[in-house]
Amino acid sequence: MSDKVSQVRTFEVLTATATAAGKLVFGIFAALAEFERALISERTVAGLVSARARGRQGGRPFKMTAAKLRLAMASMGQPETKVGDLCQELGITRQTLYRHVSPKGELRPDGAKLLSRT
């Protein structure tokens, strides 16, 4: 059997910003980091533009759909409708319902915006 010996060597790097050489190294690393960040940003924007061109839209899908909105408008216009039951049936929260439809079943601005998208 042979014994294996491992050695670790470290090199001191000039990181002291008090010296001219340290300031130079620090400035170079800062410029490289800024350049890398700009490249990442450009690639991200290009990817989003490409995805939109293919018809893909990012973000979370809306809970309220046009079909759910029409059903909610018809149901809210009836006095026997229980809001909690309607929300549970549609799979939305009370806040989402009232954001799109008034208690009388009338369309609110967010509801009109939703219907105009379809």
Protein backbone atom coordinates (compact mmCIF):
# COMPACT_ATOMS: atom_id res chain seq x y z
CA MET A 1 0.00 0.00 0.00
CA SER A 2 1.15 3.48 -0.68
CA ASP A 3 0.33 6.58 1.29
CA LYS A 4 -1.17 9.41 -0.71
CA VAL A 5 -0.36 12.90 0.33
CA SER A 6 -2.42 15.83 -0.83
CA GLN A 7 -1.39 19.40 -0.64
CA VAL A 8 -3.45 22.55 -0.87
CA ARG A 9 -1.84 25.68 -2.09
CA THR A 10 -3.47 29.06 -1.99
CA PHE A 11 -2.52 32.19 -3.81
CA GLU A 12 -3.05 35.59 -2.40
CA VAL A 13 -5.18 37.81 -4.59
CA LEU A 14 -4.90 41.54 -4.52
CA THR A 15 -8.23 42.66 -3.19
CA ALA A 16 -7.09 45.62 -1.17
CA THR A 17 -8.67 48.69 -2.72
CA ALA A 18 -6.17 50.94 -0.99
CA THR A 19 -3.52 50.22 -3.62
CA ALA A 20 -3.60 51.22 -7.26
CA ALA A 21 -3.38 47.59 -8.39
CA GLY A 22 -6.23 46.62 -6.05
CA LYS A 23 -8.40 49.40 -7.43
CA LEU A 24 -7.63 48.24 -10.97
CA VAL A 25 -8.58 44.62 -10.23
CA PHE A 26 -11.73 45.71 -8.44
CA GLY A 27 -12.72 47.97 -11.36
CA ILE A 28 -12.17 45.19 -13.89
CA PHE A 29 -14.31 42.74 -11.90
CA ALA A 30 -17.03 45.36 -11.50
CA ALA A 31 -17.04 46.05 -15.25
CA LEU A 32 -17.22 42.32 -16.02
CA ALA A 33 -20.12 41.86 -13.60
CA GLU A 34 -22.00 44.79 -15.15
CA PHE A 35 -21.39 43.40 -18.65
CA GLU A 36 -22.60 39.94 -17.63
CA ARG A 37 -25.77 41.43 -16.10
CA ALA A 38 -26.47 43.35 -19.31
CA LEU A 39 -26.09 40.16 -21.36
CA ILE A 40 -28.49 38.28 -19.08
CA SER A 41 -31.02 41.09 -19.37
CA GLU A 42 -30.78 41.14 -23.17
CA ARG A 43 -31.28 37.37 -23.39
CA THR A 44 -34.28 37.54 -21.07
CA VAL A 45 -35.96 40.26 -23.13
CA ALA A 46 -35.22 38.39 -26.37
CA GLY A 47 -36.73 35.21 -24.92
CA LEU A 48 -39.90 37.02 -23.83
CA VAL A 49 -40.29 38.65 -27.25
CA SER A 50 -39.80 35.29 -28.95
CA ALA A 51 -42.35 33.60 -26.69
CA ARG A 52 -44.94 36.33 -27.34
CA ALA A 53 -44.35 35.99 -31.09
CA ARG A 54 -45.21 32.29 -30.74
CA GLY A 55 -48.43 33.19 -28.94
CA ARG A 56 -47.28 32.36 -25.42
CA GLN A 57 -48.25 34.73 -22.66
CA GLY A 58 -46.43 34.58 -19.35
CA GLY A 59 -47.90 34.83 -15.91
CA ARG A 60 -50.57 33.08 -13.94
CA PRO A 61 -53.84 32.32 -15.78
CA PHE A 62 -56.89 34.32 -14.70
CA LYS A 63 -59.37 32.50 -12.46
CA MET A 64 -62.31 34.39 -13.91
CA THR A 65 -63.13 33.42 -17.49
CA ALA A 66 -65.71 34.91 -19.83
CA ALA A 67 -68.00 31.90 -19.34
CA LYS A 68 -67.76 32.15 -15.54
CA LEU A 69 -68.40 35.89 -15.75
CA ARG A 70 -71.59 35.45 -17.78
CA LEU A 71 -72.84 32.81 -15.33
CA ALA A 72 -71.99 35.07 -12.38
CA MET A 73 -73.84 38.01 -13.94
CA ALA A 74 -76.96 35.90 -14.49
CA SER A 75 -76.80 34.39 -10.99
CA MET A 76 -76.12 37.66 -9.16
CA GLY A 77 -79.21 39.19 -10.74
CA GLN A 78 -81.40 36.65 -8.93
CA PRO A 79 -82.31 37.39 -5.29
CA GLU A 80 -82.09 33.75 -4.12
CA THR A 81 -78.41 33.45 -5.10
CA LYS A 82 -76.01 32.77 -2.23
CA VAL A 83 -72.70 34.41 -3.00
CA GLY A 84 -70.63 31.85 -1.09
CA ASP A 85 -72.19 28.95 -2.99
CA LEU A 86 -71.73 30.73 -6.31
CA CYS A 87 -68.07 31.44 -5.57
CA GLN A 88 -67.47 27.83 -4.58
CA GLU A 89 -69.17 26.59 -7.73
CA LEU A 90 -67.10 28.90 -9.94
CA GLY A 91 -63.85 28.24 -8.07
CA ILE A 92 -63.20 31.92 -7.33
CA THR A 93 -63.06 34.08 -4.23
CA ARG A 94 -65.71 36.55 -3.15
CA GLN A 95 -63.31 39.40 -3.87
CA THR A 96 -62.78 38.20 -7.45
CA LEU A 97 -66.54 37.93 -7.97
CA TYR A 98 -67.26 41.44 -6.70
CA ARG A 99 -64.33 42.88 -8.67
CA HIS A 100 -66.03 41.76 -11.89
CA VAL A 101 -69.76 41.84 -11.06
CA SER A 102 -71.84 44.10 -8.80
CA PRO A 103 -74.29 42.63 -6.25
CA LYS A 104 -77.10 43.42 -8.72
CA GLY A 105 -75.41 41.42 -11.50
CA GLU A 106 -74.13 44.44 -13.40
CA LEU A 107 -70.78 44.39 -15.13
CA ARG A 108 -67.94 46.28 -13.44
CA PRO A 109 -64.86 47.72 -15.23
CA ASP A 110 -62.71 44.61 -14.63
CA GLY A 111 -65.52 42.44 -15.98
CA ALA A 112 -65.85 44.60 -19.09
CA LYS A 113 -62.09 44.38 -19.59
CA LEU A 114 -62.26 40.59 -19.33
CA LEU A 115 -65.05 40.34 -21.90
CA SER A 116 -63.22 42.65 -24.30
CA ARG A 117 -60.19 40.31 -24.29
CA THR A 118 -62.20 37.39 -25.64
